[in-house]
Amino acid sequence: MLFYILMYLFISVTALMLLKLGANDLLISISGKSVTVKFSLILVLGFIFYLISFFTWVYILKTNTLTFILPILIGALYILIILGSFFFLKETISFYQWIGIGIVLIGIVLMNIK
């Protein structure tokens, strides 16, 4: 099960990074009765990765209790998205975000105490 959880986290974060990068190239224009949509390959890859993460998430839900797995994965996703944005998108992390990361990590540990 750990394999699927790690796969879900990696694919979800990758999907969100690709969607963020691809969104810069998205163009939607409406003129008269026609609609034109232009998007990049990066956006399509992000969508494909997000679709794969959806099916992985459904499998994880099928094999775990929602009250156990949801808080852990959502917390881990928050942390990984912030770190991914910092390293790959060159976004800044505020002091309060660092505190939030610490609190989320404490929460994940507490959620695993049986």
PDB file of N, CA and C in Angstrom:
ATOM      1  N   MET A   1       0.818  -1.195   0.000  1.00  0.00           N
ATOM      2  CA  MET A   1       0.000   0.000   0.000  1.00  0.00           C
ATOM      3  C   MET A   1       0.861   1.259   0.000  1.00  0.00           C
ATOM      4  N   LEU A   2       2.002   1.200   0.685  1.00  0.00           N
ATOM      5  CA  LEU A   2       2.894   2.353   0.729  1.00  0.00           C
ATOM      6  C   LEU A   2       3.308   2.780  -0.678  1.00  0.00           C
ATOM      7  N   PHE A   3       3.515   1.808  -1.551  1.00  0.00           N
ATOM      8  CA  PHE A   3       3.876   2.117  -2.940  1.00  0.00           C
ATOM      9  C   PHE A   3       2.809   2.999  -3.599  1.00  0.00           C
ATOM     10  N   TYR A   4       1.531   2.643  -3.434  1.00  0.00           N
ATOM     11  CA  TYR A   4       0.444   3.402  -4.053  1.00  0.00           C
ATOM     12  C   TYR A   4       0.297   4.789  -3.435  1.00  0.00           C
ATOM     13  N   ILE A   5       0.537   4.897  -2.154  1.00  0.00           N
ATOM     14  CA  ILE A   5       0.464   6.200  -1.491  1.00  0.00           C
ATOM     15  C   ILE A   5       1.564   7.114  -2.009  1.00  0.00           C
ATOM     16  N   LEU A   6       2.784   6.598  -2.082  1.00  0.00           N
ATOM     17  CA  LEU A   6       3.898   7.402  -2.594  1.00  0.00           C
ATOM     18  C   LEU A   6       3.697   7.743  -4.066  1.00  0.00           C
ATOM     19  N   MET A   7       3.181   6.787  -4.837  1.00  0.00           N
ATOM     20  CA  MET A   7       2.899   7.033  -6.247  1.00  0.00           C
ATOM     21  C   MET A   7       1.853   8.137  -6.386  1.00  0.00           C
ATOM     22  N   TYR A   8       0.783   8.062  -5.580  1.00  0.00           N
ATOM     23  CA  TYR A   8      -0.264   9.080  -5.622  1.00  0.00           C
ATOM     24  C   TYR A   8       0.311  10.462  -5.307  1.00  0.00           C
ATOM     25  N   LEU A   9       1.121  10.547  -4.258  1.00  0.00           N
ATOM     26  CA  LEU A   9       1.696  11.842  -3.882  1.00  0.00           C
ATOM     27  C   LEU A   9       2.585  12.389  -4.991  1.00  0.00           C
ATOM     28  N   PHE A  10       3.454  11.558  -5.541  1.00  0.00           N
ATOM     29  CA  PHE A  10       4.353  12.002  -6.612  1.00  0.00           C
ATOM     30  C   PHE A  10       3.569  12.442  -7.848  1.00  0.00           C
ATOM     31  N   ILE A  11       2.601  11.635  -8.269  1.00  0.00           N
ATOM     32  CA  ILE A  11       1.843  11.952  -9.484  1.00  0.00           C
ATOM     33  C   ILE A  11       0.985  13.196  -9.280  1.00  0.00           C
ATOM     34  N   SER A  12       0.380  13.339  -8.110  1.00  0.00           N
ATOM     35  CA  SER A  12      -0.467  14.510  -7.847  1.00  0.00           C
ATOM     36  C   SER A  12       0.346  15.797  -7.845  1.00  0.00           C
ATOM     37  N   VAL A  13       1.477  15.781  -7.169  1.00  0.00           N
ATOM     38  CA  VAL A  13       2.313  16.983  -7.126  1.00  0.00           C
ATOM     39  C   VAL A  13       2.852  17.300  -8.515  1.00  0.00           C
ATOM     40  N   THR A  14       3.283  16.286  -9.251  1.00  0.00           N
ATOM     41  CA  THR A  14       3.754  16.498 -10.620  1.00  0.00           C
ATOM     42  C   THR A  14       2.645  17.084 -11.487  1.00  0.00           C
ATOM     43  N   ALA A  15       1.438  16.542 -11.352  1.00  0.00           N
ATOM     44  CA  ALA A  15       0.299  17.048 -12.125  1.00  0.00           C
ATOM     45  C   ALA A  15       0.048  18.518 -11.834  1.00  0.00           C
ATOM     46  N   LEU A  16       0.048  18.886 -10.572  1.00  0.00           N
ATOM     47  CA  LEU A  16      -0.218  20.282 -10.210  1.00  0.00           C
ATOM     48  C   LEU A  16       0.884  21.219 -10.700  1.00  0.00           C
ATOM     49  N   MET A  17       2.131  20.774 -10.646  1.00  0.00           N
ATOM     50  CA  MET A  17       3.237  21.598 -11.158  1.00  0.00           C
ATOM     51  C   MET A  17       3.098  21.791 -12.675  1.00  0.00           C
ATOM     52  N   LEU A  18       2.763  20.710 -13.382  1.00  0.00           N
ATOM     53  CA  LEU A  18       2.583  20.807 -14.837  1.00  0.00           C
ATOM     54  C   LEU A  18       1.383  21.679 -15.195  1.00  0.00           C
ATOM     55  N   LEU A  19       0.293  21.528 -14.452  1.00  0.00           N
ATOM     56  CA  LEU A  19      -0.885  22.368 -14.713  1.00  0.00           C
ATOM     57  C   LEU A  19      -0.564  23.836 -14.483  1.00  0.00           C
ATOM     58  N   LYS A  20       0.182  24.138 -13.438  1.00  0.00           N
ATOM     59  CA  LYS A  20       0.568  25.527 -13.155  1.00  0.00           C
ATOM     60  C   LYS A  20       1.431  26.077 -14.288  1.00  0.00           C
ATOM     61  N   LEU A  21       2.412  25.302 -14.726  1.00  0.00           N
ATOM     62  CA  LEU A  21       3.278  25.749 -15.817  1.00  0.00           C
ATOM     63  C   LEU A  21       2.504  25.873 -17.132  1.00  0.00           C
ATOM     64  N   GLY A  22       1.628  24.904 -17.412  1.00  0.00           N
ATOM     65  CA  GLY A  22       0.870  24.914 -18.655  1.00  0.00           C
ATOM     66  C   GLY A  22      -0.205  25.974 -18.699  1.00  0.00           C
ATOM     67  N   ALA A  23      -0.686  26.394 -17.536  1.00  0.00           N
ATOM     68  CA  ALA A  23      -1.739  27.419 -17.493  1.00  0.00           C
ATOM     69  C   ALA A  23      -1.258  28.750 -18.055  1.00  0.00           C
ATOM     70  N   ASN A  24       0.048  28.980 -18.012  1.00  0.00           N
ATOM     71  CA  ASN A  24       0.592  30.229 -18.561  1.00  0.00           C
ATOM     72  C   ASN A  24       0.375  30.328 -20.066  1.00  0.00           C
ATOM     73  N   ASP A  25       0.269  29.191 -20.745  1.00  0.00           N
ATOM     74  CA  ASP A  25       0.109  29.171 -22.198  1.00  0.00           C
ATOM     75  C   ASP A  25      -1.342  29.000 -22.637  1.00  0.00           C
ATOM     76  N   LEU A  26      -2.263  28.887 -21.685  1.00  0.00           N
ATOM     77  CA  LEU A  26      -3.675  28.678 -22.015  1.00  0.00           C
ATOM     78  C   LEU A  26      -4.276  29.967 -22.564  1.00  0.00           C
ATOM     79  N   LEU A  27      -4.967  29.831 -23.684  1.00  0.00           N
ATOM     80  CA  LEU A  27      -5.631  30.982 -24.301  1.00  0.00           C
ATOM     81  C   LEU A  27      -7.047  30.574 -24.696  1.00  0.00           C
ATOM     82  N   ILE A  28      -8.008  31.286 -24.172  1.00  0.00           N
ATOM     83  CA  ILE A  28      -9.406  31.054 -24.530  1.00  0.00           C
ATOM     84  C   ILE A  28      -9.952  32.367 -25.058  1.00  0.00           C
ATOM     85  N   SER A  29     -10.483  32.325 -26.281  1.00  0.00           N
ATOM     86  CA  SER A  29     -11.063  33.542 -26.849  1.00  0.00           C
ATOM     87  C   SER A  29     -12.442  33.232 -27.430  1.00  0.00           C
ATOM     88  N   ILE A  30     -13.340  34.153 -27.220  1.00  0.00           N
ATOM     89  CA  ILE A  30     -14.706  34.027 -27.730  1.00  0.00           C
ATOM     90  C   ILE A  30     -14.962  35.224 -28.634  1.00  0.00           C
ATOM     91  N   SER A  31     -15.308  34.912 -29.882  1.00  0.00           N
ATOM     92  CA  SER A  31     -15.634  35.991 -30.817  1.00  0.00           C
ATOM     93  C   SER A  31     -16.845  35.561 -31.630  1.00  0.00           C
ATOM     94  N   GLY A  32     -17.910  36.301 -31.474  1.00  0.00           N
ATOM     95  CA  GLY A  32     -19.133  35.957 -32.184  1.00  0.00           C
ATOM     96  C   GLY A  32     -19.672  34.625 -31.712  1.00  0.00           C
ATOM     97  N   LYS A  33     -19.779  33.681 -32.651  1.00  0.00           N
ATOM     98  CA  LYS A  33     -20.306  32.351 -32.332  1.00  0.00           C
ATOM     99  C   LYS A  33     -19.218  31.289 -32.214  1.00  0.00           C
ATOM    100  N   SER A  34     -17.967  31.719 -32.241  1.00  0.00           N
ATOM    101  CA  SER A  34     -16.889  30.730 -32.171  1.00  0.00           C
ATOM    102  C   SER A  34     -16.074  30.902 -30.884  1.00  0.00           C
ATOM    103  N   VAL A  35     -15.589  29.774 -30.422  1.00  0.00           N
ATOM    104  CA  VAL A  35     -14.730  29.735 -29.245  1.00  0.00           C
ATOM    105  C   VAL A  35     -13.425  29.072 -29.658  1.00  0.00           C
ATOM    106  N   THR A  36     -12.314  29.722 -29.329  1.00  0.00           N
ATOM    107  CA  THR A  36     -11.005  29.187 -29.646  1.00  0.00           C
ATOM    108  C   THR A  36     -10.269  28.885 -28.342  1.00  0.00           C
ATOM    109  N   VAL A  37      -9.726  27.681 -28.266  1.00  0.00           N
ATOM    110  CA  VAL A  37      -8.950  27.285 -27.096  1.00  0.00           C
ATOM    111  C   VAL A  37      -7.589  26.791 -27.576  1.00  0.00           C
ATOM    112  N   LYS A  38      -6.541  27.395 -27.029  1.00  0.00           N
ATOM    113  CA  LYS A  38      -5.176  26.963 -27.343  1.00  0.00           C
ATOM    114  C   LYS A  38      -4.481  26.616 -26.030  1.00  0.00           C
ATOM    115  N   PHE A  39      -3.825  25.462 -26.024  1.00  0.00           N
ATOM    116  CA  PHE A  39      -3.133  25.032 -24.813  1.00  0.00           C
ATOM    117  C   PHE A  39      -1.863  24.300 -25.199  1.00  0.00           C
ATOM    118  N   SER A  40      -0.974  24.170 -24.225  1.00  0.00           N
ATOM    119  CA  SER A  40       0.328  23.567 -24.487  1.00  0.00           C
ATOM    120  C   SER A  40       0.338  22.081 -24.139  1.00  0.00           C
ATOM    121  N   LEU A  41       1.367  21.404 -24.593  1.00  0.00           N
ATOM    122  CA  LEU A  41       1.575  19.998 -24.271  1.00  0.00           C
ATOM    123  C   LEU A  41       1.758  19.819 -22.768  1.00  0.00           C
ATOM    124  N   ILE A  42       2.384  20.787 -22.118  1.00  0.00           N
ATOM    125  CA  ILE A  42       2.589  20.713 -20.671  1.00  0.00           C
ATOM    126  C   ILE A  42       1.248  20.658 -19.947  1.00  0.00           C
ATOM    127  N   LEU A  43       0.287  21.437 -20.388  1.00  0.00           N
ATOM    128  CA  LEU A  43      -1.046  21.427 -19.785  1.00  0.00           C
ATOM    129  C   LEU A  43      -1.720  20.071 -19.998  1.00  0.00           C
ATOM    130  N   VAL A  44      -1.581  19.507 -21.169  1.00  0.00           N
ATOM    131  CA  VAL A  44      -2.156  18.190 -21.454  1.00  0.00           C
ATOM    132  C   VAL A  44      -1.500  17.121 -20.577  1.00  0.00           C
ATOM    133  N   LEU A  45      -0.183  17.175 -20.445  1.00  0.00           N
ATOM    134  CA  LEU A  45       0.517  16.225 -19.573  1.00  0.00           C
ATOM    135  C   LEU A  45       0.051  16.369 -18.128  1.00  0.00           C
ATOM    136  N   GLY A  46      -0.136  17.594 -17.685  1.00  0.00           N
ATOM    137  CA  GLY A  46      -0.639  17.826 -16.331  1.00  0.00           C
ATOM    138  C   GLY A  46      -2.005  17.203 -16.142  1.00  0.00           C
ATOM    139  N   PHE A  47      -2.868  17.346 -17.134  1.00  0.00           N
ATOM    140  CA  PHE A  47      -4.203  16.750 -17.065  1.00  0.00           C
ATOM    141  C   PHE A  47      -4.114  15.225 -17.019  1.00  0.00           C
ATOM    142  N   ILE A  48      -3.247  14.643 -17.835  1.00  0.00           N
ATOM    143  CA  ILE A  48      -3.082  13.183 -17.855  1.00  0.00           C
ATOM    144  C   ILE A  48      -2.575  12.691 -16.495  1.00  0.00           C
ATOM    145  N   PHE A  49      -1.580  13.374 -15.946  1.00  0.00           N
ATOM    146  CA  PHE A  49      -1.070  12.995 -14.632  1.00  0.00           C
ATOM    147  C   PHE A  49      -2.161  13.127 -13.569  1.00  0.00           C
ATOM    148  N   TYR A  50      -2.976  14.174 -13.673  1.00  0.00           N
ATOM    149  CA  TYR A  50      -4.048  14.369 -12.697  1.00  0.00           C
ATOM    150  C   TYR A  50      -5.087  13.254 -12.804  1.00  0.00           C
ATOM    151  N   LEU A  51      -5.360  12.828 -14.024  1.00  0.00           N
ATOM    152  CA  LEU A  51      -6.293  11.724 -14.234  1.00  0.00           C
ATOM    153  C   LEU A  51      -5.738  10.427 -13.625  1.00  0.00           C
ATOM    154  N   ILE A  52      -4.448  10.175 -13.821  1.00  0.00           N
ATOM    155  CA  ILE A  52      -3.818   8.991 -13.232  1.00  0.00           C
ATOM    156  C   ILE A  52      -3.875   9.075 -11.709  1.00  0.00           C
ATOM    157  N   SER A  53      -3.636  10.273 -11.167  1.00  0.00           N
ATOM    158  CA  SER A  53      -3.683  10.412  -9.710  1.00  0.00           C
ATOM    159  C   SER A  53      -5.097  10.176  -9.188  1.00  0.00           C
ATOM    160  N   PHE A  54      -6.108  10.554  -9.957  1.00  0.00           N
ATOM    161  CA  PHE A  54      -7.494  10.313  -9.561  1.00  0.00           C
ATOM    162  C   PHE A  54      -7.757   8.815  -9.401  1.00  0.00           C
ATOM    163  N   PHE A  55      -7.352   8.022 -10.382  1.00  0.00           N
ATOM    164  CA  PHE A  55      -7.583   6.580 -10.307  1.00  0.00           C
ATOM    165  C   PHE A  55      -6.759   5.932  -9.193  1.00  0.00           C
ATOM    166  N   THR A  56      -5.555   6.446  -8.966  1.00  0.00           N
ATOM    167  CA  THR A  56      -4.743   5.951  -7.855  1.00  0.00           C
ATOM    168  C   THR A  56      -5.424   6.276  -6.526  1.00  0.00           C
ATOM    169  N   TRP A  57      -5.985   7.488  -6.420  1.00  0.00           N
ATOM    170  CA  TRP A  57      -6.702   7.907  -5.213  1.00  0.00           C
ATOM    171  C   TRP A  57      -7.912   7.006  -4.957  1.00  0.00           C
ATOM    172  N   VAL A  58      -8.649   6.676  -5.996  1.00  0.00           N
ATOM    173  CA  VAL A  58      -9.810   5.797  -5.839  1.00  0.00           C
ATOM    174  C   VAL A  58      -9.370   4.427  -5.324  1.00  0.00           C
ATOM    175  N   TYR A  59      -8.257   3.907  -5.835  1.00  0.00           N
ATOM    176  CA  TYR A  59      -7.751   2.616  -5.361  1.00  0.00           C
ATOM    177  C   TYR A  59      -7.350   2.706  -3.881  1.00  0.00           C
ATOM    178  N   ILE A  60      -6.679   3.781  -3.513  1.00  0.00           N
ATOM    179  CA  ILE A  60      -6.275   3.962  -2.116  1.00  0.00           C
ATOM    180  C   ILE A  60      -7.510   4.038  -1.215  1.00  0.00           C
ATOM    181  N   LEU A  61      -8.535   4.757  -1.664  1.00  0.00           N
ATOM    182  CA  LEU A  61      -9.771   4.847  -0.884  1.00  0.00           C
ATOM    183  C   LEU A  61     -10.442   3.490  -0.732  1.00  0.00           C
ATOM    184  N   LYS A  62     -10.355   2.688  -1.770  1.00  0.00           N
ATOM    185  CA  LYS A  62     -10.979   1.360  -1.753  1.00  0.00           C
ATOM    186  C   LYS A  62     -10.345   0.462  -0.686  1.00  0.00           C
ATOM    187  N   THR A  63      -9.079   0.671  -0.418  1.00  0.00           N
ATOM    188  CA  THR A  63      -8.359  -0.239   0.466  1.00  0.00           C
ATOM    189  C   THR A  63      -8.044   0.350   1.845  1.00  0.00           C
ATOM    190  N   ASN A  64      -8.504   1.566   2.148  1.00  0.00           N
ATOM    191  CA  ASN A  64      -8.235   2.212   3.432  1.00  0.00           C
ATOM    192  C   ASN A  64      -9.488   2.902   3.942  1.00  0.00           C
ATOM    193  N   THR A  65      -9.499   3.187   5.238  1.00  0.00           N
ATOM    194  CA  THR A  65     -10.612   3.965   5.779  1.00  0.00           C
ATOM    195  C   THR A  65     -10.385   5.442   5.469  1.00  0.00           C
ATOM    196  N   LEU A  66     -11.438   6.123   5.127  1.00  0.00           N
ATOM    197  CA  LEU A  66     -11.358   7.531   4.740  1.00  0.00           C
ATOM    198  C   LEU A  66     -10.856   8.403   5.890  1.00  0.00           C
ATOM    199  N   THR A  67     -11.319   8.125   7.104  1.00  0.00           N
ATOM    200  CA  THR A  67     -10.916   8.942   8.247  1.00  0.00           C
ATOM    201  C   THR A  67      -9.436   8.800   8.577  1.00  0.00           C
ATOM    202  N   PHE A  68      -8.819   7.722   8.145  1.00  0.00           N
ATOM    203  CA  PHE A  68      -7.388   7.539   8.367  1.00  0.00           C
ATOM    204  C   PHE A  68      -6.563   8.139   7.236  1.00  0.00           C
ATOM    205  N   ILE A  69      -6.901   7.796   6.000  1.00  0.00           N
ATOM    206  CA  ILE A  69      -6.034   8.121   4.868  1.00  0.00           C
ATOM    207  C   ILE A  69      -6.164   9.565   4.389  1.00  0.00           C
ATOM    208  N   LEU A  70      -7.370  10.135   4.451  1.00  0.00           N
ATOM    209  CA  LEU A  70      -7.566  11.491   3.920  1.00  0.00           C
ATOM    210  C   LEU A  70      -6.727  12.536   4.641  1.00  0.00           C
ATOM    211  N   PRO A  71      -6.772  12.635   5.968  1.00  0.00           N
ATOM    212  CA  PRO A  71      -5.959  13.670   6.619  1.00  0.00           C
ATOM    213  C   PRO A  71      -4.461  13.516   6.363  1.00  0.00           C
ATOM    214  N   ILE A  72      -4.006  12.280   6.315  1.00  0.00           N
ATOM    215  CA  ILE A  72      -2.573  12.045   6.106  1.00  0.00           C
ATOM    216  C   ILE A  72      -2.155  12.466   4.700  1.00  0.00           C
ATOM    217  N   LEU A  73      -2.907  12.042   3.695  1.00  0.00           N
ATOM    218  CA  LEU A  73      -2.522  12.370   2.316  1.00  0.00           C
ATOM    219  C   LEU A  73      -2.707  13.848   2.002  1.00  0.00           C
ATOM    220  N   ILE A  74      -3.767  14.449   2.512  1.00  0.00           N
ATOM    221  CA  ILE A  74      -3.970  15.880   2.258  1.00  0.00           C
ATOM    222  C   ILE A  74      -2.858  16.692   2.916  1.00  0.00           C
ATOM    223  N   GLY A  75      -2.509  16.330   4.152  1.00  0.00           N
ATOM    224  CA  GLY A  75      -1.412  17.019   4.830  1.00  0.00           C
ATOM    225  C   GLY A  75      -0.103  16.861   4.072  1.00  0.00           C
ATOM    226  N   ALA A  76       0.183  15.645   3.635  1.00  0.00           N
ATOM    227  CA  ALA A  76       1.414  15.397   2.878  1.00  0.00           C
ATOM    228  C   ALA A  76       1.399  16.169   1.553  1.00  0.00           C
ATOM    229  N   LEU A  77       0.231  16.229   0.908  1.00  0.00           N
ATOM    230  CA  LEU A  77       0.134  16.982  -0.349  1.00  0.00           C
ATOM    231  C   LEU A  77       0.402  18.465  -0.132  1.00  0.00           C
ATOM    232  N   TYR A  78      -0.156  19.045   0.937  1.00  0.00           N
ATOM    233  CA  TYR A  78       0.098  20.463   1.231  1.00  0.00           C
ATOM    234  C   TYR A  78       1.595  20.723   1.341  1.00  0.00           C
ATOM    235  N   ILE A  79       2.265  19.875   2.091  1.00  0.00           N
ATOM    236  CA  ILE A  79       3.703  20.062   2.291  1.00  0.00           C
ATOM    237  C   ILE A  79       4.461  19.897   0.982  1.00  0.00           C
ATOM    238  N   LEU A  80       4.165  18.845   0.232  1.00  0.00           N
ATOM    239  CA  LEU A  80       4.895  18.581  -1.011  1.00  0.00           C
ATOM    240  C   LEU A  80       4.630  19.636  -2.076  1.00  0.00           C
ATOM    241  N   ILE A  81       3.416  20.166  -2.115  1.00  0.00           N
ATOM    242  CA  ILE A  81       3.106  21.216  -3.089  1.00  0.00           C
ATOM    243  C   ILE A  81       3.870  22.493  -2.761  1.00  0.00           C
ATOM    244  N   ILE A  82       3.920  22.842  -1.476  1.00  0.00           N
ATOM    245  CA  ILE A  82       4.680  24.033  -1.084  1.00  0.00           C
ATOM    246  C   ILE A  82       6.155  23.849  -1.417  1.00  0.00           C
ATOM    247  N   LEU A  83       6.707  22.690  -1.083  1.00  0.00           N
ATOM    248  CA  LEU A  83       8.121  22.439  -1.376  1.00  0.00           C
ATOM    249  C   LEU A  83       8.384  22.354  -2.882  1.00  0.00           C
ATOM    250  N   GLY A  84       7.487  21.707  -3.625  1.00  0.00           N
ATOM    251  CA  GLY A  84       7.631  21.647  -5.083  1.00  0.00           C
ATOM    252  C   GLY A  84       7.566  23.021  -5.717  1.00  0.00           C
ATOM    253  N   SER A  85       6.667  23.851  -5.220  1.00  0.00           N
ATOM    254  CA  SER A  85       6.559  25.220  -5.740  1.00  0.00           C
ATOM    255  C   SER A  85       7.822  26.022  -5.450  1.00  0.00           C
ATOM    256  N   PHE A  86       8.406  25.769  -4.296  1.00  0.00           N
ATOM    257  CA  PHE A  86       9.639  26.462  -3.914  1.00  0.00           C
ATOM    258  C   PHE A  86      10.798  26.049  -4.817  1.00  0.00           C
ATOM    259  N   PHE A  87      10.985  24.732  -5.000  1.00  0.00           N
ATOM    260  CA  PHE A  87      12.143  24.250  -5.749  1.00  0.00           C
ATOM    261  C   PHE A  87      11.983  24.328  -7.264  1.00  0.00           C
ATOM    262  N   PHE A  88      10.793  24.058  -7.779  1.00  0.00           N
ATOM    263  CA  PHE A  88      10.619  23.970  -9.230  1.00  0.00           C
ATOM    264  C   PHE A  88       9.989  25.212  -9.853  1.00  0.00           C
ATOM    265  N   LEU A  89       9.131  25.893  -9.114  1.00  0.00           N
ATOM    266  CA  LEU A  89       8.481  27.091  -9.658  1.00  0.00           C
ATOM    267  C   LEU A  89       9.109  28.371  -9.126  1.00  0.00           C
ATOM    268  N   LYS A  90      10.094  28.214  -8.264  1.00  0.00           N
ATOM    269  CA  LYS A  90      10.837  29.342  -7.675  1.00  0.00           C
ATOM    270  C   LYS A  90       9.926  30.300  -6.909  1.00  0.00           C
ATOM    271  N   GLU A  91       8.872  29.758  -6.277  1.00  0.00           N
ATOM    272  CA  GLU A  91       8.010  30.565  -5.428  1.00  0.00           C
ATOM    273  C   GLU A  91       8.654  30.668  -4.056  1.00  0.00           C
ATOM    274  N   THR A  92       8.287  31.693  -3.295  1.00  0.00           N
ATOM    275  CA  THR A  92       8.853  31.861  -1.962  1.00  0.00           C
ATOM    276  C   THR A  92       7.948  31.206  -0.912  1.00  0.00           C
ATOM    277  N   ILE A  93       8.561  30.789   0.173  1.00  0.00           N
ATOM    278  CA  ILE A  93       7.833  30.213   1.294  1.00  0.00           C
ATOM    279  C   ILE A  93       7.954  31.185   2.457  1.00  0.00           C
ATOM    280  N   SER A  94       6.821  31.642   2.962  1.00  0.00           N
ATOM    281  CA  SER A  94       6.833  32.606   4.059  1.00  0.00           C
ATOM    282  C   SER A  94       7.131  31.913   5.386  1.00  0.00           C
ATOM    283  N   PHE A  95       7.451  32.713   6.363  1.00  0.00           N
ATOM    284  CA  PHE A  95       7.701  32.214   7.709  1.00  0.00           C
ATOM    285  C   PHE A  95       6.497  31.428   8.218  1.00  0.00           C
ATOM    286  N   TYR A  96       5.299  31.933   7.969  1.00  0.00           N
ATOM    287  CA  TYR A  96       4.091  31.266   8.445  1.00  0.00           C
ATOM    288  C   TYR A  96       3.824  29.953   7.705  1.00  0.00           C
ATOM    289  N   GLN A  97       4.224  29.880   6.458  1.00  0.00           N
ATOM    290  CA  GLN A  97       4.104  28.613   5.740  1.00  0.00           C
ATOM    291  C   GLN A  97       5.035  27.567   6.341  1.00  0.00           C
ATOM    292  N   TRP A  98       6.248  27.976   6.731  1.00  0.00           N
ATOM    293  CA  TRP A  98       7.160  27.044   7.391  1.00  0.00           C
ATOM    294  C   TRP A  98       6.558  26.555   8.707  1.00  0.00           C
ATOM    295  N   ILE A  99       5.945  27.457   9.459  1.00  0.00           N
ATOM    296  CA  ILE A  99       5.273  27.055  10.702  1.00  0.00           C
ATOM    297  C   ILE A  99       4.134  26.090  10.380  1.00  0.00           C
ATOM    298  N   GLY A 100       3.367  26.389   9.332  1.00  0.00           N
ATOM    299  CA  GLY A 100       2.277  25.507   8.914  1.00  0.00           C
ATOM    300  C   GLY A 100       2.768  24.125   8.529  1.00  0.00           C
ATOM    301  N   ILE A 101       3.894  24.068   7.828  1.00  0.00           N
ATOM    302  CA  ILE A 101       4.480  22.777   7.465  1.00  0.00           C
ATOM    303  C   ILE A 101       4.804  21.980   8.727  1.00  0.00           C
ATOM    304  N   GLY A 102       5.384  22.641   9.712  1.00  0.00           N
ATOM    305  CA  GLY A 102       5.700  21.969  10.968  1.00  0.00           C
ATOM    306  C   GLY A 102       4.455  21.455  11.677  1.00  0.00           C
ATOM    307  N   ILE A 103       3.411  22.268  11.702  1.00  0.00           N
ATOM    308  CA  ILE A 103       2.162  21.855  12.349  1.00  0.00           C
ATOM    309  C   ILE A 103       1.535  20.676  11.613  1.00  0.00           C
ATOM    310  N   VAL A 104       1.551  20.722  10.291  1.00  0.00           N
ATOM    311  CA  VAL A 104       0.992  19.615   9.504  1.00  0.00           C
ATOM    312  C   VAL A 104       1.780  18.335   9.766  1.00  0.00           C
ATOM    313  N   LEU A 105       3.109  18.442   9.820  1.00  0.00           N
ATOM    314  CA  LEU A 105       3.930  17.257  10.112  1.00  0.00           C
ATOM    315  C   LEU A 105       3.587  16.675  11.479  1.00  0.00           C
ATOM    316  N   ILE A 106       3.405  17.538  12.463  1.00  0.00           N
ATOM    317  CA  ILE A 106       3.003  17.065  13.794  1.00  0.00           C
ATOM    318  C   ILE A 106       1.651  16.371  13.701  1.00  0.00           C
ATOM    319  N   GLY A 107       0.728  16.943  12.951  1.00  0.00           N
ATOM    320  CA  GLY A 107      -0.591  16.334  12.770  1.00  0.00           C
ATOM    321  C   GLY A 107      -0.518  14.972  12.113  1.00  0.00           C
ATOM    322  N   ILE A 108       0.332  14.841  11.109  1.00  0.00           N
ATOM    323  CA  ILE A 108       0.475  13.543  10.432  1.00  0.00           C
ATOM    324  C   ILE A 108       1.017  12.506  11.415  1.00  0.00           C
ATOM    325  N   VAL A 109       1.994  12.892  12.233  1.00  0.00           N
ATOM    326  CA  VAL A 109       2.522  11.956  13.231  1.00  0.00           C
ATOM    327  C   VAL A 109       1.427  11.568  14.219  1.00  0.00           C
ATOM    328  N   LEU A 110       0.675  12.548  14.707  1.00  0.00           N
ATOM    329  CA  LEU A 110      -0.396  12.255  15.665  1.00  0.00           C
ATOM    330  C   LEU A 110      -1.474  11.351  15.058  1.00  0.00           C
ATOM    331  N   MET A 111      -1.761  11.532  13.771  1.00  0.00           N
ATOM    332  CA  MET A 111      -2.769  10.704  13.099  1.00  0.00           C
ATOM    333  C   MET A 111      -2.329   9.246  13.006  1.00  0.00           C
ATOM    334  N   ASN A 112      -1.027   9.003  13.066  1.00  0.00           N
ATOM    335  CA  ASN A 112      -0.515   7.630  12.940  1.00  0.00           C
ATOM    336  C   ASN A 112      -0.301   6.935  14.272  1.00  0.00           C
ATOM    337  N   ILE A 113      -0.528   7.631  15.374  1.00  0.00           N
ATOM    338  CA  ILE A 113      -0.406   6.993  16.686  1.00  0.00           C
ATOM    339  C   ILE A 113      -1.650   6.141  16.916  1.00  0.00           C
ATOM    340  N   LYS A 114      -1.423   4.895  17.242  1.00  0.00           N
ATOM    341  CA  LYS A 114      -2.567   3.989  17.443  1.00  0.00           C
ATOM    342  C   LYS A 114      -2.742   3.648  18.895  1.00  0.00           C
TER     343      LYS A 114
END
